[in-house]
Amino acid sequence: MFIKEIILACYILCIAGIVAGITCGVLSRMHGRTQLNRAAVLFLAGLFVICFYDMAIYYCNYVIGILSSMEVMRIGNCLISVTMFFWIGLQKQILDREALHFIDKTVQKYMLVYAGVWLVLTIAMPVDYFYTVKWLLLVTDVLLIVGFLSSSIAHSIYTSVAGLKNTTAYMLISTAMLMWNYFSYFWGEASVYWGNSRFIREPLDLTIIFWLIISVMTAMFVYRKCFKPTFLKDISPHEGERQSTLTNSIPAHGDFQERIREVAEQYNLTKRERELVELIYQGKSNKDIAEELFLSESTVKTHIYNIFRKMNVKNRIEVICIINGEQV
């Protein structure tokens, strides 16, 4: 009897969870901008748009009684494609493996082209147009699915090999949620094409369950990996004394970021190495860095070794001295 109200309440909870995750991400970025933080906020923004769009469709179908049209479904597919683009970007920052950059860039470019072209065609062309290009629609959708799954599965395998079990679970579940949402739109789109509105509702009704899961998981991810290390990190008295000393020497935020950028350019550091240099300056241990950047400790050690080699230093103190402009 209250199914409609319960489902709408679940959509509201999803949106609230996404907003909470975005808030944690934005607050964390005010204290230190990382590529991982930025990618997480962008993905959450995509989730917010899709979740709100799903809720609007459900409200129109069930409360107002206006069934979704082919144009509405196509726009939904385009939005999901953009969200998948942000999700691949977040996976790239979680793993940061050069071996996967080519496939990631290829898949992301295709997703943007797919979303842009079909969005323009959906707005500019009449609905009969889609009946004449149904096979082209099918081919482009299949290519999108294959590319997305290939990239996500490759990232998941790498995280599994690295021993990041929680990360692997998060990536696999999030990938499954996005794929279900895409298939539900595709299913609804096909039902409009065949004139059977019954097929629209059944899969779309289930999307709220998956969106509730993915919104909670992503909000927790941002909280644990971005917000908590910044605001709620517990440290020992000895480490606290060292942290206090370092903090007192850190210049104003804008000047500090500019100095980090100068050092990175001078020593040809990668984006990931630049992030590690900033965290080293803040007194973070290898374990702290691994948790904050969602990497294994062995990967962190490899990055630090490369940083020391490029900067021609022997330890972290010398890295800090270079950033402060002091004699090593």
Protein backbone atom coordinates (compact mmCIF):
# COMPACT_ATOMS: atom_id res chain seq x y z
CA MET A 1 0.00 0.00 0.00
CA PHE A 2 2.85 2.32 0.81
CA ILE A 3 5.26 0.94 -1.80
CA LYS A 4 5.41 4.20 -3.75
CA GLU A 5 6.16 6.23 -0.63
CA ILE A 6 8.83 3.75 0.51
CA ILE A 7 10.59 3.79 -2.86
CA LEU A 8 10.53 7.58 -3.02
CA ALA A 9 11.89 7.69 0.55
CA CYS A 10 14.73 5.37 -0.54
CA TYR A 11 15.56 7.73 -3.39
CA ILE A 12 15.71 10.61 -0.92
CA LEU A 13 18.03 8.56 1.32
CA CYS A 14 20.27 7.86 -1.68
CA ILE A 15 20.49 11.54 -2.52
CA ALA A 16 21.20 12.37 1.13
CA GLY A 17 24.02 9.81 1.22
CA ILE A 18 25.54 11.19 -1.97
CA VAL A 19 25.35 14.76 -0.64
CA ALA A 20 27.08 13.59 2.56
CA GLY A 21 29.87 12.04 0.50
CA ILE A 22 30.27 15.17 -1.63
CA THR A 23 30.39 17.30 1.54
CA CYS A 24 33.16 15.12 3.01
CA GLY A 25 35.07 15.32 -0.25
CA VAL A 26 34.76 19.09 -0.57
CA LEU A 27 35.79 19.68 3.05
CA SER A 28 38.79 17.39 2.58
CA ARG A 29 39.84 19.26 -0.57
CA MET A 30 39.92 22.51 1.41
CA HIS A 31 42.79 21.05 3.47
CA GLY A 32 44.65 19.27 0.70
CA ARG A 33 43.76 18.58 -2.91
CA THR A 34 44.55 15.16 -4.32
CA GLN A 35 43.62 13.55 -7.61
CA LEU A 36 41.83 10.78 -5.72
CA ASN A 37 39.72 13.31 -3.84
CA ARG A 38 38.80 15.17 -7.01
CA ALA A 39 37.88 11.96 -8.86
CA ALA A 40 35.67 10.80 -5.97
CA VAL A 41 33.78 14.12 -5.87
CA LEU A 42 33.20 14.05 -9.64
CA PHE A 43 31.89 10.49 -9.48
CA LEU A 44 29.56 11.42 -6.62
CA ALA A 45 28.28 14.36 -8.66
CA GLY A 46 27.48 11.96 -11.50
CA LEU A 47 25.71 9.65 -9.05
CA PHE A 48 23.65 12.57 -7.79
CA VAL A 49 22.43 13.48 -11.28
CA ILE A 50 21.57 9.88 -12.17
CA CYS A 51 19.81 9.20 -8.86
CA PHE A 52 17.75 12.37 -9.17
CA TYR A 53 16.93 11.51 -12.77
CA ASP A 54 15.82 7.98 -11.78
CA MET A 55 13.62 9.40 -9.06
CA ALA A 56 12.01 11.84 -11.48
CA ILE A 57 11.22 9.01 -13.90
CA TYR A 58 9.73 6.88 -11.13
CA TYR A 59 7.64 9.78 -9.89
CA CYS A 60 6.31 10.50 -13.37
CA ASN A 61 5.55 6.84 -14.11
CA TYR A 62 3.85 5.91 -10.86
CA VAL A 63 2.59 9.08 -9.18
CA ILE A 64 1.66 11.29 -12.12
CA GLY A 65 1.03 8.43 -14.55
CA ILE A 66 3.16 9.75 -17.42
CA LEU A 67 5.11 6.84 -18.91
CA SER A 68 8.71 7.38 -20.01
CA SER A 69 9.32 8.03 -23.70
CA MET A 70 12.16 6.91 -25.93
CA GLU A 71 13.77 10.36 -25.65
CA VAL A 72 13.77 10.19 -21.85
CA MET A 73 15.41 6.78 -21.92
CA ARG A 74 18.10 7.90 -24.36
CA ILE A 75 18.96 10.90 -22.20
CA GLY A 76 19.21 8.54 -19.23
CA ASN A 77 21.67 6.36 -21.16
CA CYS A 78 23.79 9.40 -21.97
CA LEU A 79 23.88 10.45 -18.30
CA ILE A 80 24.89 6.97 -17.24
CA SER A 81 27.68 7.02 -19.82
CA VAL A 82 29.06 10.23 -18.29
CA THR A 83 28.83 8.69 -14.80
CA MET A 84 30.74 5.66 -16.06
CA PHE A 85 33.36 8.08 -17.40
CA PHE A 86 33.83 9.50 -13.89
CA TRP A 87 33.85 6.01 -12.39
CA ILE A 88 36.73 4.92 -14.66
CA GLY A 89 38.54 8.13 -13.61
CA LEU A 90 38.12 7.20 -9.95
CA GLN A 91 39.39 3.69 -10.62
CA LYS A 92 42.47 5.17 -12.30
CA GLN A 93 43.25 7.24 -9.20
CA ILE A 94 42.63 4.32 -6.85
CA LEU A 95 45.08 2.10 -8.71
CA ASP A 96 47.40 4.50 -10.60
CA ARG A 97 48.91 1.87 -12.91
CA GLU A 98 50.57 3.06 -16.11
CA ALA A 99 49.80 -0.28 -17.79
CA LEU A 100 46.06 0.52 -17.82
CA HIS A 101 46.20 4.16 -18.88
CA PHE A 102 45.77 3.39 -22.58
CA ILE A 103 42.63 1.32 -22.18
CA ASP A 104 41.24 3.82 -19.65
CA LYS A 105 41.73 6.79 -21.98
CA THR A 106 40.27 4.89 -24.93
CA VAL A 107 37.17 3.83 -23.00
CA GLN A 108 36.67 7.28 -21.49
CA LYS A 109 36.94 9.00 -24.88
CA TYR A 110 34.37 6.62 -26.34
CA MET A 111 32.02 7.27 -23.41
CA LEU A 112 32.18 11.03 -23.93
CA VAL A 113 31.66 10.71 -27.69
CA TYR A 114 28.77 8.31 -27.11
CA ALA A 115 27.09 10.62 -24.60
CA GLY A 116 27.63 13.76 -26.68
CA VAL A 117 26.50 12.36 -30.04
CA TRP A 118 23.41 10.55 -28.78
CA LEU A 119 22.38 13.45 -26.55
CA VAL A 120 22.44 15.83 -29.53
CA LEU A 121 20.59 13.34 -31.73
CA THR A 122 18.00 12.69 -29.02
CA ILE A 123 17.21 16.38 -28.68
CA ALA A 124 17.38 17.21 -32.38
CA MET A 125 15.76 14.16 -33.98
CA PRO A 126 12.13 12.94 -33.78
CA VAL A 127 11.36 9.70 -31.96
CA ASP A 128 10.80 7.85 -35.26
CA TYR A 129 14.50 8.35 -35.94
CA PHE A 130 15.41 5.82 -33.26
CA TYR A 131 13.24 3.16 -34.83
CA THR A 132 15.25 3.46 -38.04
CA VAL A 133 18.67 3.23 -36.35
CA LYS A 134 17.89 0.51 -33.81
CA TRP A 135 20.85 -1.64 -34.89
CA LEU A 136 23.23 1.30 -34.61
CA LEU A 137 21.89 1.92 -31.12
CA LEU A 138 22.48 -1.71 -30.21
CA VAL A 139 26.05 -1.73 -31.55
CA THR A 140 27.07 1.48 -29.74
CA ASP A 141 25.50 0.24 -26.51
CA VAL A 142 27.31 -3.10 -26.72
CA LEU A 143 30.64 -1.34 -27.37
CA LEU A 144 30.02 0.86 -24.33
CA ILE A 145 29.31 -2.16 -22.14
CA VAL A 146 32.33 -4.12 -23.38
CA GLY A 147 34.69 -1.18 -22.91
CA PHE A 148 33.41 -0.35 -19.45
CA LEU A 149 33.56 -3.95 -18.21
CA SER A 150 37.04 -4.47 -19.70
CA SER A 151 38.45 -1.46 -17.88
CA SER A 152 36.67 -2.18 -14.58
CA ILE A 153 37.60 -5.86 -14.54
CA ALA A 154 41.25 -5.03 -15.31
CA HIS A 155 41.34 -2.56 -12.41
CA SER A 156 39.67 -5.06 -10.09
CA ILE A 157 42.22 -7.75 -10.98
CA TYR A 158 45.10 -5.38 -10.26
CA THR A 159 43.67 -4.36 -6.86
CA SER A 160 43.06 -8.02 -6.02
CA VAL A 161 46.66 -8.94 -6.88
CA ALA A 162 47.88 -6.02 -4.76
CA GLY A 163 45.98 -7.45 -1.79
CA LEU A 164 43.48 -4.57 -1.50
CA LYS A 165 40.45 -6.72 -0.73
CA ASN A 166 38.17 -3.91 0.43
CA THR A 167 39.04 -1.86 -2.62
CA THR A 168 38.38 -4.79 -4.96
CA ALA A 169 34.98 -5.42 -3.37
CA TYR A 170 34.04 -1.75 -3.64
CA MET A 171 35.07 -1.56 -7.29
CA LEU A 172 33.27 -4.77 -8.27
CA ILE A 173 30.04 -3.88 -6.48
CA SER A 174 30.02 -0.33 -7.86
CA THR A 175 30.64 -1.67 -11.36
CA ALA A 176 27.74 -4.12 -10.98
CA MET A 177 25.45 -1.32 -9.78
CA LEU A 178 26.28 0.90 -12.75
CA MET A 179 25.81 -1.96 -15.17
CA TRP A 180 22.40 -2.79 -13.71
CA ASN A 181 21.30 0.82 -14.01
CA TYR A 182 22.44 0.94 -17.62
CA PHE A 183 20.70 -2.33 -18.47
CA SER A 184 17.49 -1.15 -16.81
CA TYR A 185 17.45 1.95 -19.01
CA PHE A 186 18.26 -0.17 -22.05
CA TRP A 187 15.46 -2.56 -21.09
CA GLY A 188 13.03 0.32 -20.70
CA GLU A 189 14.15 1.80 -23.99
CA ALA A 190 13.55 -1.52 -25.75
CA SER A 191 10.11 -1.83 -24.15
CA VAL A 192 9.16 1.57 -25.53
CA TYR A 193 10.38 0.45 -28.94
CA TRP A 194 8.24 -2.71 -28.80
CA GLY A 195 5.29 -0.86 -27.29
CA ASN A 196 5.12 -2.92 -24.08
CA SER A 197 5.17 -0.61 -21.06
CA ARG A 198 5.14 -3.57 -18.64
CA PHE A 199 8.83 -4.18 -19.31
CA ILE A 200 9.75 -0.63 -18.32
CA ARG A 201 8.68 -0.87 -14.72
CA GLU A 202 10.06 -4.15 -13.43
CA PRO A 203 13.81 -3.45 -13.84
CA LEU A 204 13.51 0.27 -13.13
CA ASP A 205 11.77 -0.48 -9.82
CA LEU A 206 14.85 -2.37 -8.65
CA THR A 207 17.33 0.39 -9.43
CA ILE A 208 16.63 2.11 -6.13
CA ILE A 209 17.97 -0.90 -4.23
CA PHE A 210 21.27 -0.76 -6.07
CA TRP A 211 21.54 3.02 -5.92
CA LEU A 212 21.01 2.90 -2.17
CA ILE A 213 23.89 0.42 -1.89
CA ILE A 214 26.27 2.33 -4.14
CA SER A 215 25.50 5.71 -2.54
CA VAL A 216 26.21 4.37 0.97
CA MET A 217 29.38 2.57 -0.15
CA THR A 218 30.74 5.60 -1.99
CA ALA A 219 29.95 7.97 0.89
CA MET A 220 31.79 5.59 3.25
CA PHE A 221 34.70 5.39 0.82
CA VAL A 222 35.09 9.18 0.70
CA TYR A 223 34.73 9.41 4.48
CA ARG A 224 37.37 6.73 5.15
CA LYS A 225 39.86 7.71 2.47
CA CYS A 226 39.50 11.49 2.28
CA PHE A 227 37.68 12.98 5.26
CA LYS A 228 38.85 10.79 8.17
CA PRO A 229 42.60 10.99 7.43
CA THR A 230 42.28 14.79 7.24
CA PHE A 231 40.13 15.56 10.27
CA LEU A 232 40.00 12.52 12.56
CA LYS A 233 43.43 10.97 12.40
CA ASP A 234 44.61 9.64 15.78
CA ILE A 235 48.35 9.98 16.31
CA SER A 236 50.72 9.07 19.08
CA PRO A 237 52.30 11.76 21.32
CA HIS A 238 55.68 11.36 19.62
CA GLU A 239 54.17 11.56 16.16
CA GLY A 240 51.99 14.42 17.32
CA GLU A 241 55.05 16.42 18.38
CA ARG A 242 56.68 15.84 15.02
CA GLN A 243 53.45 16.67 13.19
CA SER A 244 53.13 19.91 15.17
CA THR A 245 56.66 20.93 14.26
CA LEU A 246 56.05 20.30 10.59
CA THR A 247 52.70 22.06 10.60
CA ASN A 248 54.22 25.17 12.11
CA SER A 249 56.66 25.35 9.21
CA ILE A 250 54.02 24.87 6.50
CA PRO A 251 53.38 28.14 4.66
CA ALA A 252 49.96 29.49 3.76
CA HIS A 253 47.87 27.03 1.74
CA GLY A 254 48.22 28.84 -1.56
CA ASP A 255 51.98 29.34 -1.13
CA PHE A 256 52.44 25.74 -0.05
CA GLN A 257 50.65 24.35 -3.09
CA GLU A 258 52.65 26.66 -5.34
CA ARG A 259 55.90 25.48 -3.75
CA ILE A 260 54.90 21.83 -4.16
CA ARG A 261 54.15 22.53 -7.83
CA GLU A 262 57.55 24.16 -8.30
CA VAL A 263 59.36 21.21 -6.71
CA ALA A 264 57.38 18.76 -8.83
CA GLU A 265 58.30 20.60 -12.01
CA GLN A 266 61.93 21.00 -10.99
CA TYR A 267 62.43 17.30 -10.30
CA ASN A 268 60.02 16.02 -12.96
CA LEU A 269 57.71 14.32 -10.48
CA THR A 270 54.52 12.61 -11.62
CA LYS A 271 51.11 13.61 -10.24
CA ARG A 272 51.14 10.66 -7.86
CA GLU A 273 54.69 11.44 -6.69
CA ARG A 274 53.66 15.05 -6.11
CA GLU A 275 50.84 13.83 -3.86
CA LEU A 276 53.27 11.67 -1.91
CA VAL A 277 55.71 14.56 -1.49
CA GLU A 278 52.93 16.65 0.01
CA LEU A 279 51.99 13.86 2.42
CA ILE A 280 55.63 13.26 3.32
CA TYR A 281 55.90 16.95 4.19
CA GLN A 282 52.87 16.55 6.47
CA GLY A 283 54.69 13.81 8.40
CA LYS A 284 52.61 10.88 7.17
CA SER A 285 54.04 7.37 7.49
CA ASN A 286 53.99 4.82 4.68
CA LYS A 287 50.94 3.20 6.26
CA ASP A 288 49.14 6.55 6.53
CA ILE A 289 49.91 7.35 2.90
CA ALA A 290 48.76 3.91 1.76
CA GLU A 291 45.44 4.32 3.56
CA GLU A 292 44.87 7.87 2.36
CA LEU A 293 45.68 7.18 -1.30
CA PHE A 294 44.17 3.70 -1.31
CA LEU A 295 47.45 2.01 -2.24
CA SER A 296 49.39 -0.95 -0.90
CA GLU A 297 52.41 -0.15 1.29
CA SER A 298 54.72 -1.80 -1.24
CA THR A 299 53.43 0.58 -3.93
CA VAL A 300 54.01 3.53 -1.60
CA LYS A 301 57.58 2.38 -0.95
CA THR A 302 58.20 2.14 -4.68
CA HIS A 303 56.91 5.69 -5.24
CA ILE A 304 59.04 7.03 -2.38
CA TYR A 305 62.13 5.28 -3.75
CA ASN A 306 61.51 6.98 -7.12
CA ILE A 307 61.01 10.34 -5.40
CA PHE A 308 64.30 10.00 -3.49
CA ARG A 309 66.09 9.03 -6.69
CA LYS A 310 64.72 11.96 -8.71
CA MET A 311 65.37 14.48 -5.93
CA ASN A 312 68.79 12.95 -5.12
CA VAL A 313 68.04 12.68 -1.40
CA LYS A 314 68.47 9.93 1.18
CA ASN A 315 65.52 10.45 3.52
CA ARG A 316 62.29 12.35 4.16
CA ILE A 317 63.97 15.11 6.13
CA GLU A 318 65.96 16.10 3.05
CA VAL A 319 62.74 16.16 1.01
CA ILE A 320 61.24 18.56 3.54
CA CYS A 321 64.38 20.69 3.47
CA ILE A 322 64.14 21.04 -0.31
CA ILE A 323 60.49 22.09 -0.07
CA ASN A 324 61.42 24.67 2.59
CA GLY A 325 64.26 25.92 0.40
CA GLU A 326 66.86 24.93 3.00
CA GLN A 327 70.32 23.50 2.50
CA VAL A 328 70.37 19.69 2.36
